[in-house]
PDB file of N, CA and C in Angstrom:
ATOM      1  N   MET A   1     -15.808  22.853   1.491  1.00  0.00           N
ATOM      2  CA  MET A   1     -15.478  21.446   1.542  1.00  0.00           C
ATOM      3  C   MET A   1     -14.773  21.072   0.246  1.00  0.00           C
ATOM      4  N   SER A   2     -13.693  20.314   0.351  1.00  0.00           N
ATOM      5  CA  SER A   2     -12.968  19.905  -0.851  1.00  0.00           C
ATOM      6  C   SER A   2     -13.244  18.439  -1.157  1.00  0.00           C
ATOM      7  N   ASN A   3     -13.115  18.103  -2.403  1.00  0.00           N
ATOM      8  CA  ASN A   3     -13.294  16.728  -2.845  1.00  0.00           C
ATOM      9  C   ASN A   3     -11.919  16.118  -3.065  1.00  0.00           C
ATOM     10  N   LEU A   4     -11.577  15.094  -2.291  1.00  0.00           N
ATOM     11  CA  LEU A   4     -10.308  14.416  -2.455  1.00  0.00           C
ATOM     12  C   LEU A   4     -10.556  13.000  -2.929  1.00  0.00           C
ATOM     13  N   ILE A   5      -9.802  12.585  -3.907  1.00  0.00           N
ATOM     14  CA  ILE A   5      -9.874  11.223  -4.404  1.00  0.00           C
ATOM     15  C   ILE A   5      -8.501  10.604  -4.197  1.00  0.00           C
ATOM     16  N   THR A   6      -8.456   9.447  -3.562  1.00  0.00           N
ATOM     17  CA  THR A   6      -7.203   8.776  -3.298  1.00  0.00           C
ATOM     18  C   THR A   6      -6.946   7.740  -4.373  1.00  0.00           C
ATOM     19  N   LEU A   7      -5.778   7.803  -4.967  1.00  0.00           N
ATOM     20  CA  LEU A   7      -5.385   6.847  -5.984  1.00  0.00           C
ATOM     21  C   LEU A   7      -4.119   6.136  -5.528  1.00  0.00           C
ATOM     22  N   ALA A   8      -4.057   4.864  -5.814  1.00  0.00           N
ATOM     23  CA  ALA A   8      -2.871   4.095  -5.454  1.00  0.00           C
ATOM     24  C   ALA A   8      -1.819   4.242  -6.537  1.00  0.00           C
ATOM     25  N   SER A   9      -0.586   4.364  -6.103  1.00  0.00           N
ATOM     26  CA  SER A   9       0.533   4.434  -7.018  1.00  0.00           C
ATOM     27  C   SER A   9       1.680   3.660  -6.392  1.00  0.00           C
ATOM     28  N   LEU A  10       2.283   2.772  -7.146  1.00  0.00           N
ATOM     29  CA  LEU A  10       3.370   1.960  -6.627  1.00  0.00           C
ATOM     30  C   LEU A  10       4.625   2.165  -7.452  1.00  0.00           C
ATOM     31  N   ARG A  11       5.742   2.271  -6.758  1.00  0.00           N
ATOM     32  CA  ARG A  11       7.038   2.273  -7.412  1.00  0.00           C
ATOM     33  C   ARG A  11       7.684   0.934  -7.091  1.00  0.00           C
ATOM     34  N   ILE A  12       7.956   0.157  -8.118  1.00  0.00           N
ATOM     35  CA  ILE A  12       8.482  -1.188  -7.923  1.00  0.00           C
ATOM     36  C   ILE A  12       9.758  -1.347  -8.728  1.00  0.00           C
ATOM     37  N   SER A  13      10.804  -1.791  -8.054  1.00  0.00           N
ATOM     38  CA  SER A  13      12.056  -2.090  -8.726  1.00  0.00           C
ATOM     39  C   SER A  13      12.059  -3.568  -9.086  1.00  0.00           C
ATOM     40  N   GLU A  14      12.020  -3.858 -10.373  1.00  0.00           N
ATOM     41  CA  GLU A  14      12.007  -5.249 -10.812  1.00  0.00           C
ATOM     42  C   GLU A  14      13.323  -5.952 -10.488  1.00  0.00           C
ATOM     43  N   ALA A  15      14.376  -5.188 -10.283  1.00  0.00           N
ATOM     44  CA  ALA A  15      15.664  -5.771  -9.941  1.00  0.00           C
ATOM     45  C   ALA A  15      15.713  -6.235  -8.487  1.00  0.00           C
ATOM     46  N   ASN A  16      14.747  -5.803  -7.677  1.00  0.00           N
ATOM     47  CA  ASN A  16      14.727  -6.151  -6.256  1.00  0.00           C
ATOM     48  C   ASN A  16      13.450  -6.930  -5.940  1.00  0.00           C
ATOM     49  N   PRO A  17      13.538  -8.257  -5.794  1.00  0.00           N
ATOM     50  CA  PRO A  17      12.334  -9.049  -5.516  1.00  0.00           C
ATOM     51  C   PRO A  17      11.758  -8.783  -4.126  1.00  0.00           C
ATOM     52  N   ASN A  18      12.511  -8.110  -3.278  1.00  0.00           N
ATOM     53  CA  ASN A  18      12.044  -7.822  -1.917  1.00  0.00           C
ATOM     54  C   ASN A  18      11.627  -6.360  -1.738  1.00  0.00           C
ATOM     55  N   HIS A  19      11.223  -5.718  -2.839  1.00  0.00           N
ATOM     56  CA  HIS A  19      10.786  -4.332  -2.714  1.00  0.00           C
ATOM     57  C   HIS A  19       9.630  -4.244  -1.729  1.00  0.00           C
ATOM     58  N   HIS A  20       9.604  -3.205  -0.954  1.00  0.00           N
ATOM     59  CA  HIS A  20       8.596  -2.947   0.074  1.00  0.00           C
ATOM     60  C   HIS A  20       8.642  -3.952   1.221  1.00  0.00           C
ATOM     61  N   LEU A  21       9.674  -4.772   1.285  1.00  0.00           N
ATOM     62  CA  LEU A  21       9.815  -5.713   2.390  1.00  0.00           C
ATOM     63  C   LEU A  21      10.974  -5.286   3.270  1.00  0.00           C
ATOM     64  N   TRP A  22      10.819  -5.520   4.562  1.00  0.00           N
ATOM     65  CA  TRP A  22      11.826  -5.126   5.536  1.00  0.00           C
ATOM     66  C   TRP A  22      11.916  -6.235   6.565  1.00  0.00           C
ATOM     67  N   ASN A  23      13.119  -6.730   6.806  1.00  0.00           N
ATOM     68  CA  ASN A  23      13.334  -7.805   7.765  1.00  0.00           C
ATOM     69  C   ASN A  23      13.752  -7.191   9.100  1.00  0.00           C
ATOM     70  N   ASN A  24      12.930  -7.387  10.111  1.00  0.00           N
ATOM     71  CA  ASN A  24      13.205  -6.865  11.443  1.00  0.00           C
ATOM     72  C   ASN A  24      13.403  -8.042  12.391  1.00  0.00           C
ATOM     73  N   ASN A  25      14.665  -8.346  12.680  1.00  0.00           N
ATOM     74  CA  ASN A  25      15.018  -9.447  13.579  1.00  0.00           C
ATOM     75  C   ASN A  25      14.383 -10.772  13.158  1.00  0.00           C
ATOM     76  N   GLY A  26      14.351 -11.029  11.867  1.00  0.00           N
ATOM     77  CA  GLY A  26      13.862 -12.299  11.366  1.00  0.00           C
ATOM     78  C   GLY A  26      12.414 -12.301  10.918  1.00  0.00           C
ATOM     79  N   THR A  27      11.621 -11.311  11.315  1.00  0.00           N
ATOM     80  CA  THR A  27      10.222 -11.229  10.900  1.00  0.00           C
ATOM     81  C   THR A  27      10.105 -10.214   9.774  1.00  0.00           C
ATOM     82  N   TRP A  28       9.388 -10.601   8.724  1.00  0.00           N
ATOM     83  CA  TRP A  28       9.231  -9.728   7.561  1.00  0.00           C
ATOM     84  C   TRP A  28       8.076  -8.760   7.748  1.00  0.00           C
ATOM     85  N   PHE A  29       8.315  -7.509   7.362  1.00  0.00           N
ATOM     86  CA  PHE A  29       7.337  -6.438   7.436  1.00  0.00           C
ATOM     87  C   PHE A  29       7.124  -5.858   6.045  1.00  0.00           C
ATOM     88  N   LEU A  30       5.926  -5.342   5.829  1.00  0.00           N
ATOM     89  CA  LEU A  30       5.604  -4.581   4.629  1.00  0.00           C
ATOM     90  C   LEU A  30       5.874  -3.119   4.967  1.00  0.00           C
ATOM     91  N   HIS A  31       6.640  -2.446   4.142  1.00  0.00           N
ATOM     92  CA  HIS A  31       7.026  -1.061   4.398  1.00  0.00           C
ATOM     93  C   HIS A  31       6.638  -0.224   3.192  1.00  0.00           C
ATOM     94  N   TYR A  32       5.780   0.784   3.415  1.00  0.00           N
ATOM     95  CA  TYR A  32       5.343   1.636   2.309  1.00  0.00           C
ATOM     96  C   TYR A  32       5.002   3.016   2.840  1.00  0.00           C
ATOM     97  N   THR A  33       4.807   3.962   1.943  1.00  0.00           N
ATOM     98  CA  THR A  33       4.512   5.349   2.313  1.00  0.00           C
ATOM     99  C   THR A  33       3.167   5.742   1.724  1.00  0.00           C
ATOM    100  N   VAL A  34       2.354   6.426   2.528  1.00  0.00           N
ATOM    101  CA  VAL A  34       1.084   6.971   2.058  1.00  0.00           C
ATOM    102  C   VAL A  34       1.137   8.486   2.183  1.00  0.00           C
ATOM    103  N   TYR A  35       0.334   9.144   1.373  1.00  0.00           N
ATOM    104  CA  TYR A  35       0.269  10.602   1.358  1.00  0.00           C
ATOM    105  C   TYR A  35      -1.172  11.012   1.654  1.00  0.00           C
ATOM    106  N   PRO A  36      -1.528  11.169   2.955  1.00  0.00           N
ATOM    107  CA  PRO A  36      -2.915  11.482   3.305  1.00  0.00           C
ATOM    108  C   PRO A  36      -3.384  12.843   2.805  1.00  0.00           C
ATOM    109  N   THR A  37      -2.479  13.772   2.656  1.00  0.00           N
ATOM    110  CA  THR A  37      -2.793  15.073   2.067  1.00  0.00           C
ATOM    111  C   THR A  37      -1.672  15.409   1.092  1.00  0.00           C
ATOM    112  N   PRO A  38      -1.875  16.401   0.251  1.00  0.00           N
ATOM    113  CA  PRO A  38      -0.792  16.764  -0.680  1.00  0.00           C
ATOM    114  C   PRO A  38       0.465  17.281   0.018  1.00  0.00           C
ATOM    115  N   PHE A  39       0.372  17.589   1.308  1.00  0.00           N
ATOM    116  CA  PHE A  39       1.495  18.202   2.015  1.00  0.00           C
ATOM    117  C   PHE A  39       2.119  17.302   3.067  1.00  0.00           C
ATOM    118  N   THR A  40       1.568  16.116   3.287  1.00  0.00           N
ATOM    119  CA  THR A  40       2.092  15.244   4.326  1.00  0.00           C
ATOM    120  C   THR A  40       2.309  13.837   3.797  1.00  0.00           C
ATOM    121  N   LYS A  41       3.168  13.097   4.488  1.00  0.00           N
ATOM    122  CA  LYS A  41       3.353  11.695   4.164  1.00  0.00           C
ATOM    123  C   LYS A  41       3.482  10.906   5.456  1.00  0.00           C
ATOM    124  N   GLU A  42       3.191   9.632   5.363  1.00  0.00           N
ATOM    125  CA  GLU A  42       3.247   8.757   6.532  1.00  0.00           C
ATOM    126  C   GLU A  42       3.861   7.434   6.104  1.00  0.00           C
ATOM    127  N   ARG A  43       4.889   7.016   6.836  1.00  0.00           N
ATOM    128  CA  ARG A  43       5.507   5.723   6.558  1.00  0.00           C
ATOM    129  C   ARG A  43       4.792   4.653   7.365  1.00  0.00           C
ATOM    130  N   ILE A  44       4.410   3.578   6.695  1.00  0.00           N
ATOM    131  CA  ILE A  44       3.663   2.498   7.319  1.00  0.00           C
ATOM    132  C   ILE A  44       4.527   1.244   7.311  1.00  0.00           C
ATOM    133  N   ARG A  45       4.585   0.576   8.451  1.00  0.00           N
ATOM    134  CA  ARG A  45       5.231  -0.730   8.549  1.00  0.00           C
ATOM    135  C   ARG A  45       4.223  -1.676   9.163  1.00  0.00           C
ATOM    136  N   ARG A  46       3.919  -2.762   8.443  1.00  0.00           N
ATOM    137  CA  ARG A  46       2.951  -3.753   8.914  1.00  0.00           C
ATOM    138  C   ARG A  46       3.622  -5.116   8.934  1.00  0.00           C
ATOM    139  N   SER A  47       3.510  -5.804  10.048  1.00  0.00           N
ATOM    140  CA  SER A  47       4.091  -7.136  10.136  1.00  0.00           C
ATOM    141  C   SER A  47       3.358  -8.078   9.197  1.00  0.00           C
ATOM    142  N   LEU A  48       4.121  -8.885   8.492  1.00  0.00           N
ATOM    143  CA  LEU A  48       3.542  -9.904   7.636  1.00  0.00           C
ATOM    144  C   LEU A  48       3.441 -11.234   8.380  1.00  0.00           C
ATOM    145  N   GLY A  49       3.910 -11.262   9.613  1.00  0.00           N
ATOM    146  CA  GLY A  49       3.743 -12.423  10.478  1.00  0.00           C
ATOM    147  C   GLY A  49       4.437 -13.680  10.000  1.00  0.00           C
ATOM    148  N   THR A  50       5.582 -13.515   9.347  1.00  0.00           N
ATOM    149  CA  THR A  50       6.300 -14.680   8.856  1.00  0.00           C
ATOM    150  C   THR A  50       7.801 -14.427   8.880  1.00  0.00           C
ATOM    151  N   LYS A  51       8.543 -15.512   8.981  1.00  0.00           N
ATOM    152  CA  LYS A  51       9.997 -15.442   8.882  1.00  0.00           C
ATOM    153  C   LYS A  51      10.474 -15.981   7.534  1.00  0.00           C
ATOM    154  N   ASP A  52       9.536 -16.429   6.703  1.00  0.00           N
ATOM    155  CA  ASP A  52       9.826 -16.999   5.390  1.00  0.00           C
ATOM    156  C   ASP A  52       9.659 -15.912   4.326  1.00  0.00           C
ATOM    157  N   VAL A  53      10.734 -15.614   3.604  1.00  0.00           N
ATOM    158  CA  VAL A  53      10.692 -14.533   2.618  1.00  0.00           C
ATOM    159  C   VAL A  53       9.715 -14.845   1.482  1.00  0.00           C
ATOM    160  N   LYS A  54       9.554 -16.118   1.112  1.00  0.00           N
ATOM    161  CA  LYS A  54       8.618 -16.450   0.038  1.00  0.00           C
ATOM    162  C   LYS A  54       7.180 -16.172   0.461  1.00  0.00           C
ATOM    163  N   VAL A  55       6.839 -16.499   1.693  1.00  0.00           N
ATOM    164  CA  VAL A  55       5.504 -16.209   2.225  1.00  0.00           C
ATOM    165  C   VAL A  55       5.309 -14.693   2.325  1.00  0.00           C
ATOM    166  N   ALA A  56       6.352 -13.990   2.751  1.00  0.00           N
ATOM    167  CA  ALA A  56       6.285 -12.527   2.855  1.00  0.00           C
ATOM    168  C   ALA A  56       6.017 -11.898   1.492  1.00  0.00           C
ATOM    169  N   ARG A  57       6.655 -12.394   0.452  1.00  0.00           N
ATOM    170  CA  ARG A  57       6.431 -11.864  -0.903  1.00  0.00           C
ATOM    171  C   ARG A  57       4.990 -12.109  -1.344  1.00  0.00           C
ATOM    172  N   GLU A  58       4.457 -13.298  -1.054  1.00  0.00           N
ATOM    173  CA  GLU A  58       3.061 -13.599  -1.396  1.00  0.00           C
ATOM    174  C   GLU A  58       2.106 -12.655  -0.683  1.00  0.00           C
ATOM    175  N   ARG A  59       2.329 -12.450   0.610  1.00  0.00           N
ATOM    176  CA  ARG A  59       1.452 -11.578   1.397  1.00  0.00           C
ATOM    177  C   ARG A  59       1.558 -10.139   0.934  1.00  0.00           C
ATOM    178  N   ARG A  60       2.761  -9.704   0.578  1.00  0.00           N
ATOM    179  CA  ARG A  60       2.940  -8.358   0.036  1.00  0.00           C
ATOM    180  C   ARG A  60       2.168  -8.205  -1.265  1.00  0.00           C
ATOM    181  N   ASP A  61       2.314  -9.178  -2.153  1.00  0.00           N
ATOM    182  CA  ASP A  61       1.627  -9.119  -3.436  1.00  0.00           C
ATOM    183  C   ASP A  61       0.110  -9.125  -3.261  1.00  0.00           C
ATOM    184  N   ASN A  62      -0.393  -9.936  -2.334  1.00  0.00           N
ATOM    185  CA  ASN A  62      -1.832  -9.961  -2.048  1.00  0.00           C
ATOM    186  C   ASN A  62      -2.315  -8.611  -1.527  1.00  0.00           C
ATOM    187  N   PHE A  63      -1.529  -7.996  -0.643  1.00  0.00           N
ATOM    188  CA  PHE A  63      -1.896  -6.688  -0.096  1.00  0.00           C
ATOM    189  C   PHE A  63      -2.001  -5.652  -1.204  1.00  0.00           C
ATOM    190  N   PHE A  64      -0.994  -5.589  -2.075  1.00  0.00           N
ATOM    191  CA  PHE A  64      -1.005  -4.591  -3.137  1.00  0.00           C
ATOM    192  C   PHE A  64      -2.073  -4.891  -4.190  1.00  0.00           C
ATOM    193  N   ASN A  65      -2.372  -6.170  -4.428  1.00  0.00           N
ATOM    194  CA  ASN A  65      -3.466  -6.511  -5.341  1.00  0.00           C
ATOM    195  C   ASN A  65      -4.806  -6.032  -4.785  1.00  0.00           C
ATOM    196  N   GLN A  66      -5.026  -6.214  -3.488  1.00  0.00           N
ATOM    197  CA  GLN A  66      -6.263  -5.732  -2.856  1.00  0.00           C
ATOM    198  C   GLN A  66      -6.339  -4.213  -2.935  1.00  0.00           C
ATOM    199  N   LEU A  67      -5.229  -3.546  -2.707  1.00  0.00           N
ATOM    200  CA  LEU A  67      -5.183  -2.090  -2.784  1.00  0.00           C
ATOM    201  C   LEU A  67      -5.527  -1.618  -4.196  1.00  0.00           C
ATOM    202  N   ALA A  68      -5.008  -2.303  -5.192  1.00  0.00           N
ATOM    203  CA  ALA A  68      -5.293  -1.935  -6.582  1.00  0.00           C
ATOM    204  C   ALA A  68      -6.770  -2.128  -6.903  1.00  0.00           C
ATOM    205  N   LYS A  69      -7.359  -3.206  -6.399  1.00  0.00           N
ATOM    206  CA  LYS A  69      -8.789  -3.452  -6.631  1.00  0.00           C
ATOM    207  C   LYS A  69      -9.636  -2.355  -6.002  1.00  0.00           C
ATOM    208  N   GLN A  70      -9.263  -1.938  -4.787  1.00  0.00           N
ATOM    209  CA  GLN A  70     -10.020  -0.889  -4.094  1.00  0.00           C
ATOM    210  C   GLN A  70      -9.921   0.435  -4.831  1.00  0.00           C
ATOM    211  N   SER A  71      -8.749   0.765  -5.342  1.00  0.00           N
ATOM    212  CA  SER A  71      -8.593   2.053  -6.027  1.00  0.00           C
ATOM    213  C   SER A  71      -9.245   2.036  -7.401  1.00  0.00           C
ATOM    214  N   ALA A  72      -9.438   0.845  -7.971  1.00  0.00           N
ATOM    215  CA  ALA A  72     -10.073   0.742  -9.293  1.00  0.00           C
ATOM    216  C   ALA A  72     -11.586   0.620  -9.192  1.00  0.00           C
ATOM    217  N   ALA A  73     -12.108   0.411  -7.987  1.00  0.00           N
ATOM    218  CA  ALA A  73     -13.552   0.244  -7.810  1.00  0.00           C
ATOM    219  C   ALA A  73     -14.259   1.548  -8.144  1.00  0.00           C
ATOM    220  N   PRO A  74     -15.411   1.482  -8.821  1.00  0.00           N
ATOM    221  CA  PRO A  74     -16.154   2.704  -9.133  1.00  0.00           C
ATOM    222  C   PRO A  74     -16.671   3.370  -7.857  1.00  0.00           C
ATOM    223  N   VAL A  75     -16.679   4.681  -7.880  1.00  0.00           N
ATOM    224  CA  VAL A  75     -17.131   5.465  -6.728  1.00  0.00           C
ATOM    225  C   VAL A  75     -18.488   6.067  -7.058  1.00  0.00           C
ATOM    226  N   ALA A  76     -19.455   5.871  -6.173  1.00  0.00           N
ATOM    227  CA  ALA A  76     -20.798   6.427  -6.392  1.00  0.00           C
ATOM    228  C   ALA A  76     -20.741   7.946  -6.294  1.00  0.00           C
ATOM    229  N   ALA A  77     -21.499   8.623  -7.140  1.00  0.00           N
ATOM    230  CA  ALA A  77     -21.503  10.088  -7.177  1.00  0.00           C
ATOM    231  C   ALA A  77     -21.997  10.692  -5.871  1.00  0.00           C
ATOM    232  N   ASP A  78     -22.873   9.985  -5.141  1.00  0.00           N
ATOM    233  CA  ASP A  78     -23.400  10.538  -3.902  1.00  0.00           C
ATOM    234  C   ASP A  78     -22.422  10.470  -2.742  1.00  0.00           C
ATOM    235  N   GLN A  79     -21.214   9.895  -2.953  1.00  0.00           N
ATOM    236  CA  GLN A  79     -20.216   9.838  -1.897  1.00  0.00           C
ATOM    237  C   GLN A  79     -19.444  11.146  -1.778  1.00  0.00           C
ATOM    238  N   PHE A  80     -19.573  12.026  -2.766  1.00  0.00           N
ATOM    239  CA  PHE A  80     -18.846  13.276  -2.751  1.00  0.00           C
ATOM    240  C   PHE A  80     -19.795  14.457  -2.687  1.00  0.00           C
ATOM    241  N   ALA A  81     -19.439  15.424  -1.879  1.00  0.00           N
ATOM    242  CA  ALA A  81     -20.213  16.662  -1.823  1.00  0.00           C
ATOM    243  C   ALA A  81     -19.619  17.623  -2.830  1.00  0.00           C
ATOM    244  N   VAL A  82     -20.440  18.292  -3.560  1.00  0.00           N
ATOM    245  CA  VAL A  82     -19.966  19.255  -4.560  1.00  0.00           C
ATOM    246  C   VAL A  82     -20.060  20.632  -3.952  1.00  0.00           C
ATOM    247  N   ALA A  83     -18.944  21.332  -3.951  1.00  0.00           N
ATOM    248  CA  ALA A  83     -18.901  22.661  -3.329  1.00  0.00           C
ATOM    249  C   ALA A  83     -19.244  23.727  -4.338  1.00  0.00           C
TER     250      ALA A  83
END
């Protein structure tokens, strides 16, 4: 059994205020990539449920803030099996 720890990492272009945002026929989506294993990746698109880019930016920022909080949360030692 292997011990895997998932850490969040974001690449953000400060020159692009719409980073990780994608407009699909007027509705804004959050677009990002996750790496479930060291050898695979998965592209995720989640609707932000808005046609307003300012609301989409807020929802994107809230999502990434929650993700950062989860990755920074302490992990109990009993959650991992030691091989």
